[in-house]
Structures are given as structure tokens and as C-alpha cells.
Amino acid sequence: MDKKEFLKLAVEKWPELEQLKKEKKFYEYEKRFEEVWLELGREVMERNISSPGKDHRVKKKS
């Protein structure tokens, strides 16, 4: 993943972050912010290390 791809992902999440400005309760703001941020982080990680396996419990032998 390069800078251009990362910025594209971040721009896709921008509208969701903008919607948070309308939230009146801090708890709800914080909860949704964390969800958006974790989604972005997951997408970045998956693109950096490859596609995730089908069974997340299985470890690969080296």
C-alpha cells in the first residue's frame, strides 16, 4: 500500500467522521469514532499484509 491508496481509504471514511459532528452525546460520538477508526485500521492492515485467511484461529507454520 502506498500513500495514495491510504489517502483514498481515509477520504472514503471522511463523510462518516463528518457525521459525528452532529452527535450531541459524547459517549455516542466516542463509540462511533472508534468504530470508524477501527474499520479504517483493519482495511489498511489487510491491504498491507494481504487478504485475511478464512479461519482466523489457524496459525501458519513457518
C-alpha atoms as a PDB file:
ATOM      1  CA  MET A   1       0.000   0.000   0.000  1.00  0.00           C
ATOM      2  CA  ASP A   2       1.287   3.409  -0.853  1.00  0.00           C
ATOM      3  CA  LYS A   3       0.363   6.879   0.365  1.00  0.00           C
ATOM      4  CA  LYS A   4      -2.162   7.364  -2.446  1.00  0.00           C
ATOM      5  CA  GLU A   5      -4.100   4.208  -1.518  1.00  0.00           C
ATOM      6  CA  PHE A   6      -4.091   5.123   2.173  1.00  0.00           C
ATOM      7  CA  LEU A   7      -5.411   8.597   1.456  1.00  0.00           C
ATOM      8  CA  LYS A   8      -8.134   7.133  -0.740  1.00  0.00           C
ATOM      9  CA  LEU A   9      -9.295   4.913   2.136  1.00  0.00           C
ATOM     10  CA  ALA A  10      -9.173   7.832   4.561  1.00  0.00           C
ATOM     11  CA  VAL A  11     -11.206  10.024   2.192  1.00  0.00           C
ATOM     12  CA  GLU A  12     -13.843   7.281   1.989  1.00  0.00           C
ATOM     13  CA  LYS A  13     -14.209   7.414   5.796  1.00  0.00           C
ATOM     14  CA  TRP A  14     -14.338  11.225   5.911  1.00  0.00           C
ATOM     15  CA  PRO A  15     -18.154  11.531   5.500  1.00  0.00           C
ATOM     16  CA  GLU A  16     -18.665   9.203   8.467  1.00  0.00           C
ATOM     17  CA  LEU A  17     -16.338  11.344  10.587  1.00  0.00           C
ATOM     18  CA  GLU A  18     -18.159  14.490   9.487  1.00  0.00           C
ATOM     19  CA  GLN A  19     -21.483  12.956  10.589  1.00  0.00           C
ATOM     20  CA  LEU A  20     -20.063  12.684  14.101  1.00  0.00           C
ATOM     21  CA  LYS A  21     -20.151  16.472  14.467  1.00  0.00           C
ATOM     22  CA  LYS A  22     -23.939  16.214  14.693  1.00  0.00           C
ATOM     23  CA  GLU A  23     -23.759  13.813  17.642  1.00  0.00           C
ATOM     24  CA  LYS A  24     -24.788  15.507  20.891  1.00  0.00           C
ATOM     25  CA  LYS A  25     -23.768  12.795  23.344  1.00  0.00           C
ATOM     26  CA  PHE A  26     -20.040  12.372  23.843  1.00  0.00           C
ATOM     27  CA  TYR A  27     -20.386   8.647  24.560  1.00  0.00           C
ATOM     28  CA  GLU A  28     -22.123   8.043  21.229  1.00  0.00           C
ATOM     29  CA  TYR A  29     -19.555  10.230  19.452  1.00  0.00           C
ATOM     30  CA  GLU A  30     -16.678   8.303  21.012  1.00  0.00           C
ATOM     31  CA  LYS A  31     -18.278   4.928  20.296  1.00  0.00           C
ATOM     32  CA  ARG A  32     -18.893   5.665  16.619  1.00  0.00           C
ATOM     33  CA  PHE A  33     -15.481   7.336  16.192  1.00  0.00           C
ATOM     34  CA  GLU A  34     -13.811   4.205  17.483  1.00  0.00           C
ATOM     35  CA  GLU A  35     -15.826   2.033  15.075  1.00  0.00           C
ATOM     36  CA  VAL A  36     -14.864   4.183  12.083  1.00  0.00           C
ATOM     37  CA  TRP A  37     -11.209   4.297  13.126  1.00  0.00           C
ATOM     38  CA  LEU A  38     -11.027   0.530  13.661  1.00  0.00           C
ATOM     39  CA  GLU A  39     -12.644  -0.098  10.254  1.00  0.00           C
ATOM     40  CA  LEU A  40     -10.036   2.118   8.608  1.00  0.00           C
ATOM     41  CA  GLY A  41      -7.212   0.433  10.521  1.00  0.00           C
ATOM     42  CA  ARG A  42      -8.466  -3.029   9.573  1.00  0.00           C
ATOM     43  CA  GLU A  43      -8.674  -2.098   5.896  1.00  0.00           C
ATOM     44  CA  VAL A  44      -5.166  -0.620   5.926  1.00  0.00           C
ATOM     45  CA  MET A  45      -3.720  -3.670   7.686  1.00  0.00           C
ATOM     46  CA  GLU A  46      -5.432  -6.121   5.347  1.00  0.00           C
ATOM     47  CA  ARG A  47      -4.111  -4.338   2.296  1.00  0.00           C
ATOM     48  CA  ASN A  48      -0.604  -4.195   3.750  1.00  0.00           C
ATOM     49  CA  ILE A  49      -0.291  -7.851   4.732  1.00  0.00           C
ATOM     50  CA  SER A  50      -2.558  -9.457   2.094  1.00  0.00           C
ATOM     51  CA  SER A  51      -6.023 -10.901   2.247  1.00  0.00           C
ATOM     52  CA  PRO A  52      -7.069 -12.408   5.594  1.00  0.00           C
ATOM     53  CA  GLY A  53      -7.428 -16.168   5.923  1.00  0.00           C
ATOM     54  CA  LYS A  54     -10.793 -17.898   6.065  1.00  0.00           C
ATOM     55  CA  ASP A  55     -10.281 -19.159   9.619  1.00  0.00           C
ATOM     56  CA  HIS A  56      -8.817 -16.505  11.904  1.00  0.00           C
ATOM     57  CA  ARG A  57      -7.890 -19.138  14.506  1.00  0.00           C
ATOM     58  CA  VAL A  58      -5.459 -21.060  12.271  1.00  0.00           C
ATOM     59  CA  LYS A  59      -1.817 -20.068  12.537  1.00  0.00           C
ATOM     60  CA  LYS A  60       0.575 -20.609   9.676  1.00  0.00           C
ATOM     61  CA  LYS A  61       3.679 -22.714  10.282  1.00  0.00           C
ATOM     62  CA  SER A  62       6.938 -21.102   9.272  1.00  0.00           C
END
